Amino acid sequence: MALTLLPLPAAEVLLDPVFLAAPHEQALLTELTASVAWRQEPIRLFGKEVLQPRLTAWYGDAGAQYSYSGLTWQPLPWTPPLQQLREQVEAACGTSFNSVLLNLYRNGQDSMGWHADNEPELGPAPVIASVSLGAVRRFRLRPRDPQRTPHEPLTLELASGSLLVMRGPTQQHWLHAVPKTARPAGPRLNLTFRNIINI
């Protein structure tokens, strides 16, 4: 399948639910889970230091430094599987990426709170290309300002091998999250390809 535009106002969100075919996506999940240099970093939440509720890693071109949630990441060099996936994602999106943030949700209690990918080094209208591998988790979108962007929150069940692209004004007007779930959930690996513009 190809990327399909979702009907959201003040946004450009596209989805290909079968970007990577089985069993390739399962093999890639196994390889990356074992080979990526995972970290669990402390962040400040409501004035208290806690560990991020997921494992993370940052890979990219030399100089593609990225800061968010009080953390500053220096990129690790691309590995062959990440470079190959980068090329596939670039071909699908028609966009070049110089970095990728990886998040490993080990179970249903690992999560990502509401946020926008709007850091200055991503530019005013970033293209964020997100590949999901492993367990299906709910990906939620809601307007940053419901009065300016009246729309109900949207929930997507992102399957393993899916590609979600957020571009244009999306980060200015929408927030997204991966909430905790009480349902049994195996590991989910998410790779968000980005372009850092300050290198």
Protein backbone atom coordinates (compact mmCIF):
# COMPACT_ATOMS: atom_id res chain seq x y z
CA MET A 1 0.00 0.00 0.00
CA ALA A 2 0.94 3.68 -0.23
CA LEU A 3 0.69 6.53 2.24
CA THR A 4 -2.88 7.78 2.65
CA LEU A 5 -3.76 11.23 3.99
CA LEU A 6 -5.96 11.18 7.11
CA PRO A 7 -8.83 13.72 7.33
CA LEU A 8 -7.51 16.03 10.07
CA PRO A 9 -7.77 19.84 10.00
CA ALA A 10 -4.61 21.95 10.24
CA ALA A 11 -2.48 18.83 9.79
CA GLU A 12 -0.87 16.52 7.28
CA VAL A 13 -0.88 13.02 8.75
CA LEU A 14 -0.39 10.06 6.40
CA LEU A 15 -0.50 6.34 7.11
CA ASP A 16 0.68 3.19 5.36
CA PRO A 17 -0.45 0.28 7.59
CA VAL A 18 1.67 -2.32 5.73
CA PHE A 19 4.86 -0.40 4.89
CA LEU A 20 7.04 -3.38 5.91
CA ALA A 21 5.79 -6.86 5.09
CA ALA A 22 5.97 -9.86 7.41
CA PRO A 23 8.26 -11.60 8.24
CA HIS A 24 10.75 -8.79 7.49
CA GLU A 25 9.31 -6.51 10.16
CA GLN A 26 9.57 -9.24 12.81
CA ALA A 27 13.18 -10.00 11.88
CA LEU A 28 14.01 -6.29 12.04
CA LEU A 29 12.35 -6.02 15.48
CA THR A 30 14.47 -8.89 16.79
CA GLU A 31 17.70 -7.52 15.32
CA LEU A 32 17.22 -3.93 16.53
CA THR A 33 16.02 -4.90 20.00
CA ALA A 34 19.24 -6.86 20.48
CA SER A 35 21.73 -4.54 18.74
CA VAL A 36 20.67 -0.97 19.54
CA ALA A 37 22.50 0.84 22.39
CA TRP A 38 19.42 1.39 24.55
CA ARG A 39 19.37 3.91 27.40
CA GLN A 40 16.86 4.83 30.09
CA GLU A 41 17.40 8.47 30.98
CA PRO A 42 16.18 10.45 34.00
CA ILE A 43 13.84 13.39 33.30
CA ARG A 44 12.20 15.98 35.52
CA LEU A 45 8.44 15.61 35.86
CA PHE A 46 6.50 18.00 38.09
CA GLY A 47 9.75 18.96 39.81
CA LYS A 48 10.72 15.34 40.50
CA GLU A 49 13.40 13.27 38.76
CA VAL A 50 12.08 10.01 37.31
CA LEU A 51 13.29 7.54 34.72
CA GLN A 52 11.71 7.74 31.29
CA PRO A 53 9.00 5.04 31.02
CA ARG A 54 10.66 3.45 27.97
CA LEU A 55 14.13 2.79 26.53
CA THR A 56 15.57 5.23 24.00
CA ALA A 57 18.44 5.64 21.52
CA TRP A 58 19.55 8.32 19.04
CA TYR A 59 21.37 7.59 15.77
CA GLY A 60 22.25 9.89 12.90
CA ASP A 61 24.73 11.83 10.84
CA ALA A 62 27.69 13.42 12.62
CA GLY A 63 26.63 16.67 14.28
CA ALA A 64 22.89 15.85 14.39
CA GLN A 65 22.56 16.83 18.05
CA TYR A 66 19.03 16.79 19.47
CA SER A 67 17.63 18.20 22.73
CA TYR A 68 14.26 17.46 24.32
CA SER A 69 12.84 17.03 27.84
CA GLY A 70 16.05 18.48 29.28
CA LEU A 71 18.19 15.84 27.54
CA THR A 72 20.81 16.47 24.86
CA TRP A 73 21.66 13.58 22.54
CA GLN A 74 24.79 13.13 20.45
CA PRO A 75 24.10 10.71 17.58
CA LEU A 76 25.54 7.25 17.36
CA PRO A 77 26.62 6.33 13.80
CA TRP A 78 24.12 4.61 11.53
CA THR A 79 24.15 0.82 11.65
CA PRO A 80 23.50 -1.18 8.43
CA PRO A 81 19.88 -2.10 9.38
CA LEU A 82 19.07 1.48 10.39
CA GLN A 83 20.66 2.85 7.21
CA GLN A 84 18.68 0.43 5.05
CA LEU A 85 15.42 1.36 6.79
CA ARG A 86 16.29 5.05 6.48
CA GLU A 87 16.62 4.67 2.71
CA GLN A 88 13.26 2.86 2.49
CA VAL A 89 11.53 5.57 4.54
CA GLU A 90 13.14 8.37 2.51
CA ALA A 91 11.91 6.76 -0.72
CA ALA A 92 8.35 6.46 0.65
CA CYS A 93 8.27 10.04 1.96
CA GLY A 94 10.27 11.81 -0.74
CA THR A 95 12.25 13.43 2.10
CA SER A 96 15.81 13.12 3.40
CA PHE A 97 16.42 12.32 7.07
CA ASN A 98 19.67 12.73 8.99
CA SER A 99 18.65 11.15 12.31
CA VAL A 100 16.33 8.71 14.03
CA LEU A 101 14.98 8.52 17.58
CA LEU A 102 14.20 4.97 18.73
CA ASN A 103 11.77 4.21 21.57
CA LEU A 104 11.35 0.70 22.97
CA TYR A 105 8.11 0.15 24.90
CA ARG A 106 8.85 -3.03 26.84
CA ASN A 107 5.25 -3.64 27.97
CA GLY A 108 1.92 -1.87 28.40
CA GLN A 109 3.23 0.24 31.28
CA ASP A 110 5.86 1.93 29.12
CA SER A 111 4.43 5.07 27.53
CA MET A 112 4.91 8.50 25.98
CA GLY A 113 2.98 11.49 27.32
CA TRP A 114 1.27 14.22 25.30
CA HIS A 115 3.75 16.33 23.35
CA ALA A 116 4.59 17.85 19.98
CA ASP A 117 7.85 17.37 18.10
CA ASN A 118 8.43 21.11 17.90
CA GLU A 119 12.00 21.58 19.09
CA PRO A 120 13.81 24.46 17.30
CA GLU A 121 16.36 22.19 15.60
CA LEU A 122 13.52 20.42 13.74
CA GLY A 123 12.40 23.63 12.00
CA PRO A 124 8.91 25.20 11.78
CA ALA A 125 7.25 22.42 9.77
CA PRO A 126 9.16 19.19 10.40
CA VAL A 127 8.57 15.89 8.65
CA ILE A 128 8.44 13.08 11.21
CA ALA A 129 8.30 9.57 9.76
CA SER A 130 7.43 6.90 12.32
CA VAL A 131 7.89 3.15 11.78
CA SER A 132 6.28 0.79 14.33
CA LEU A 133 7.50 -2.75 15.00
CA GLY A 134 6.10 -5.35 17.38
CA ALA A 135 2.99 -5.16 19.55
CA VAL A 136 0.06 -3.00 18.48
CA ARG A 137 -0.26 0.07 20.69
CA ARG A 138 -2.70 2.98 20.63
CA PHE A 139 -1.28 6.17 19.11
CA ARG A 140 -3.40 9.17 20.08
CA LEU A 141 -3.68 12.62 18.49
CA ARG A 142 -5.54 15.62 19.92
CA PRO A 143 -5.71 19.32 19.02
CA ARG A 144 -3.30 21.56 20.92
CA ASP A 145 -6.06 24.21 21.08
CA PRO A 146 -9.54 22.67 20.57
CA GLN A 147 -11.10 26.11 20.03
CA ARG A 148 -8.77 26.92 17.12
CA THR A 149 -8.74 23.35 15.79
CA PRO A 150 -12.13 21.83 16.67
CA HIS A 151 -11.81 18.07 16.26
CA GLU A 152 -12.27 15.01 18.44
CA PRO A 153 -9.10 13.21 19.55
CA LEU A 154 -8.08 10.47 17.14
CA THR A 155 -6.86 7.01 18.15
CA LEU A 156 -4.87 4.86 15.71
CA GLU A 157 -3.96 1.21 16.30
CA LEU A 158 -0.51 1.14 14.72
CA ALA A 159 0.30 -2.34 13.45
CA SER A 160 3.78 -3.80 13.20
CA GLY A 161 5.36 -2.65 9.96
CA SER A 162 3.22 0.49 9.66
CA LEU A 163 4.55 3.90 8.62
CA LEU A 164 2.97 7.10 9.99
CA VAL A 165 4.12 10.47 8.65
CA MET A 166 3.39 13.82 10.30
CA ARG A 167 4.37 16.89 8.29
CA GLY A 168 3.35 20.45 7.41
CA PRO A 169 1.59 22.28 10.28
CA THR A 170 0.87 19.13 12.30
CA GLN A 171 3.29 19.83 15.18
CA GLN A 172 2.01 23.41 15.50
CA HIS A 173 -1.62 22.38 15.99
CA TRP A 174 -1.65 18.80 17.31
CA LEU A 175 -0.24 16.79 20.22
CA HIS A 176 0.39 13.04 20.20
CA ALA A 177 0.96 10.31 22.79
CA VAL A 178 1.34 6.58 23.39
CA PRO A 179 -0.62 6.01 26.62
CA LYS A 180 -0.19 3.18 29.09
CA THR A 181 -2.52 0.21 28.67
CA ALA A 182 -3.84 -2.39 31.08
CA ARG A 183 -4.18 -4.86 28.22
CA PRO A 184 -1.42 -7.45 27.85
CA ALA A 185 1.15 -5.94 25.48
CA GLY A 186 4.44 -7.27 24.24
CA PRO A 187 7.42 -5.12 23.22
CA ARG A 188 6.90 -2.34 20.68
CA LEU A 189 9.76 -0.56 18.93
CA ASN A 190 9.10 2.81 17.33
CA LEU A 191 11.59 4.61 15.06
CA THR A 192 10.93 8.28 14.26
CA PHE A 193 13.09 9.60 11.44
CA ARG A 194 13.82 13.32 11.56
CA ASN A 195 15.93 16.02 9.93
CA ILE A 196 18.02 18.19 12.26
CA ILE A 197 18.59 21.54 10.57
CA ASN A 198 21.31 23.06 12.78
CA ILE A 199 24.27 20.98 11.56
